[in-house]
Amino acid sequence: MPVNADGLPETAAPGDPAPPPGLVVVGRYERLEGYGVNRPRGADSWLFTWTTGGRGRLRQGAAEARAGSGDLVVLAPGVGHEYAV
């Protein structure tokens, strides 16, 4: 079954429930340079980002990572984070 992220909102709204345990939601999300997200309270679920091209910067708490093509970065739930391309 083909699935894409075309209809997803820009970011999760505060209070949106996380998927049930055991459910994994996957999609491809392409953005131009300058796009960024800041979630001061973090998210309700784990966020796995896999960079397929270009570069990005991700920060969670005091930890910061630079991501390039082929990098996987995991952000834990409940901790403020931000990321940008």
C-alpha atoms as a PDB file:
ATOM      1  CA  MET A   1       0.000   0.000   0.000  1.00  0.00           C
ATOM      2  CA  PRO A   2       1.681   3.279  -1.060  1.00  0.00           C
ATOM      3  CA  VAL A   3       1.682   5.968   1.626  1.00  0.00           C
ATOM      4  CA  ASN A   4       3.059   9.495   1.524  1.00  0.00           C
ATOM      5  CA  ALA A   5       3.231  12.516   3.815  1.00  0.00           C
ATOM      6  CA  ASP A   6       1.622  15.030   1.433  1.00  0.00           C
ATOM      7  CA  GLY A   7      -1.360  15.644   3.709  1.00  0.00           C
ATOM      8  CA  LEU A   8       0.516  15.938   7.003  1.00  0.00           C
ATOM      9  CA  PRO A   9       0.638  19.299   8.832  1.00  0.00           C
ATOM     10  CA  GLU A  10       3.904  21.237   9.099  1.00  0.00           C
ATOM     11  CA  THR A  11       4.408  20.170  12.745  1.00  0.00           C
ATOM     12  CA  ALA A  12       2.444  18.244  15.352  1.00  0.00           C
ATOM     13  CA  ALA A  13       0.013  20.434  17.261  1.00  0.00           C
ATOM     14  CA  PRO A  14       0.400  20.594  21.051  1.00  0.00           C
ATOM     15  CA  GLY A  15      -1.706  17.897  22.663  1.00  0.00           C
ATOM     16  CA  ASP A  16      -1.905  15.696  19.566  1.00  0.00           C
ATOM     17  CA  PRO A  17      -1.683  12.121  20.803  1.00  0.00           C
ATOM     18  CA  ALA A  18       1.305  10.019  19.844  1.00  0.00           C
ATOM     19  CA  PRO A  19       0.685   6.825  17.858  1.00  0.00           C
ATOM     20  CA  PRO A  20      -0.142   3.765  19.978  1.00  0.00           C
ATOM     21  CA  PRO A  21       2.815   1.711  21.274  1.00  0.00           C
ATOM     22  CA  GLY A  22       4.195  -0.552  18.584  1.00  0.00           C
ATOM     23  CA  LEU A  23       2.960   1.614  15.703  1.00  0.00           C
ATOM     24  CA  VAL A  24       5.635   3.194  13.528  1.00  0.00           C
ATOM     25  CA  VAL A  25       4.733   6.056  11.211  1.00  0.00           C
ATOM     26  CA  VAL A  26       7.159   6.633   8.345  1.00  0.00           C
ATOM     27  CA  GLY A  27       7.180   9.277   5.654  1.00  0.00           C
ATOM     28  CA  ARG A  28       9.441  11.289   3.407  1.00  0.00           C
ATOM     29  CA  TYR A  29       9.618  14.974   4.179  1.00  0.00           C
ATOM     30  CA  GLU A  30      11.606  17.307   1.926  1.00  0.00           C
ATOM     31  CA  ARG A  31      12.231  20.945   2.809  1.00  0.00           C
ATOM     32  CA  LEU A  32      14.367  23.712   1.374  1.00  0.00           C
ATOM     33  CA  GLU A  33      17.301  25.325   3.150  1.00  0.00           C
ATOM     34  CA  GLY A  34      16.140  27.571   5.979  1.00  0.00           C
ATOM     35  CA  TYR A  35      13.314  25.280   7.180  1.00  0.00           C
ATOM     36  CA  GLY A  36      13.338  24.615  10.918  1.00  0.00           C
ATOM     37  CA  VAL A  37      11.243  23.277  13.800  1.00  0.00           C
ATOM     38  CA  ASN A  38      11.471  24.226  17.487  1.00  0.00           C
ATOM     39  CA  ARG A  39       9.566  22.181  20.065  1.00  0.00           C
ATOM     40  CA  PRO A  40      10.451  23.550  23.527  1.00  0.00           C
ATOM     41  CA  ARG A  41       8.604  20.683  25.270  1.00  0.00           C
ATOM     42  CA  GLY A  42       9.664  18.027  22.793  1.00  0.00           C
ATOM     43  CA  ALA A  43       7.269  15.480  21.345  1.00  0.00           C
ATOM     44  CA  ASP A  44       5.153  12.679  22.805  1.00  0.00           C
ATOM     45  CA  SER A  45       7.007  10.002  20.850  1.00  0.00           C
ATOM     46  CA  TRP A  46      10.454   9.141  19.497  1.00  0.00           C
ATOM     47  CA  LEU A  47      11.538  10.968  16.348  1.00  0.00           C
ATOM     48  CA  PHE A  48      13.877   9.172  13.948  1.00  0.00           C
ATOM     49  CA  THR A  49      15.403  11.377  11.246  1.00  0.00           C
ATOM     50  CA  TRP A  50      17.298   9.833   8.361  1.00  0.00           C
ATOM     51  CA  THR A  51      19.047  12.300   6.084  1.00  0.00           C
ATOM     52  CA  THR A  52      18.980  11.124   2.464  1.00  0.00           C
ATOM     53  CA  GLY A  53      20.694  14.193   1.004  1.00  0.00           C
ATOM     54  CA  GLY A  54      21.895  17.639   1.980  1.00  0.00           C
ATOM     55  CA  ARG A  55      22.678  18.588   5.571  1.00  0.00           C
ATOM     56  CA  GLY A  56      20.831  19.329   8.780  1.00  0.00           C
ATOM     57  CA  ARG A  57      21.366  20.360  12.387  1.00  0.00           C
ATOM     58  CA  LEU A  58      19.513  18.747  15.284  1.00  0.00           C
ATOM     59  CA  ARG A  59      19.588  19.688  18.956  1.00  0.00           C
ATOM     60  CA  GLN A  60      18.004  18.046  21.993  1.00  0.00           C
ATOM     61  CA  GLY A  61      18.721  19.501  25.400  1.00  0.00           C
ATOM     62  CA  ALA A  62      22.463  20.294  25.460  1.00  0.00           C
ATOM     63  CA  ALA A  63      23.322  17.753  22.730  1.00  0.00           C
ATOM     64  CA  GLU A  64      23.715  18.882  19.122  1.00  0.00           C
ATOM     65  CA  ALA A  65      24.359  16.829  15.995  1.00  0.00           C
ATOM     66  CA  ARG A  66      25.105  17.706  12.389  1.00  0.00           C
ATOM     67  CA  ALA A  67      23.539  15.271   9.938  1.00  0.00           C
ATOM     68  CA  GLY A  68      24.628  14.509   6.397  1.00  0.00           C
ATOM     69  CA  SER A  69      23.550  12.039   3.761  1.00  0.00           C
ATOM     70  CA  GLY A  70      23.078   8.572   5.293  1.00  0.00           C
ATOM     71  CA  ASP A  71      22.959   9.769   8.936  1.00  0.00           C
ATOM     72  CA  LEU A  72      20.282   8.609  11.379  1.00  0.00           C
ATOM     73  CA  VAL A  73      19.596  10.819  14.419  1.00  0.00           C
ATOM     74  CA  VAL A  74      17.098   9.817  17.131  1.00  0.00           C
ATOM     75  CA  LEU A  75      15.354  12.368  19.371  1.00  0.00           C
ATOM     76  CA  ALA A  76      13.757  11.081  22.594  1.00  0.00           C
ATOM     77  CA  PRO A  77      10.231  12.035  23.704  1.00  0.00           C
ATOM     78  CA  GLY A  78       9.584  14.657  26.363  1.00  0.00           C
ATOM     79  CA  VAL A  79      12.788  16.690  25.880  1.00  0.00           C
ATOM     80  CA  GLY A  80      12.839  20.014  24.040  1.00  0.00           C
ATOM     81  CA  HIS A  81      14.374  19.789  20.587  1.00  0.00           C
ATOM     82  CA  GLU A  82      14.909  21.713  17.388  1.00  0.00           C
ATOM     83  CA  TYR A  83      16.102  20.847  13.925  1.00  0.00           C
ATOM     84  CA  ALA A  84      16.793  22.725  10.716  1.00  0.00           C
ATOM     85  CA  VAL A  85      18.078  22.235   7.177  1.00  0.00           C
END
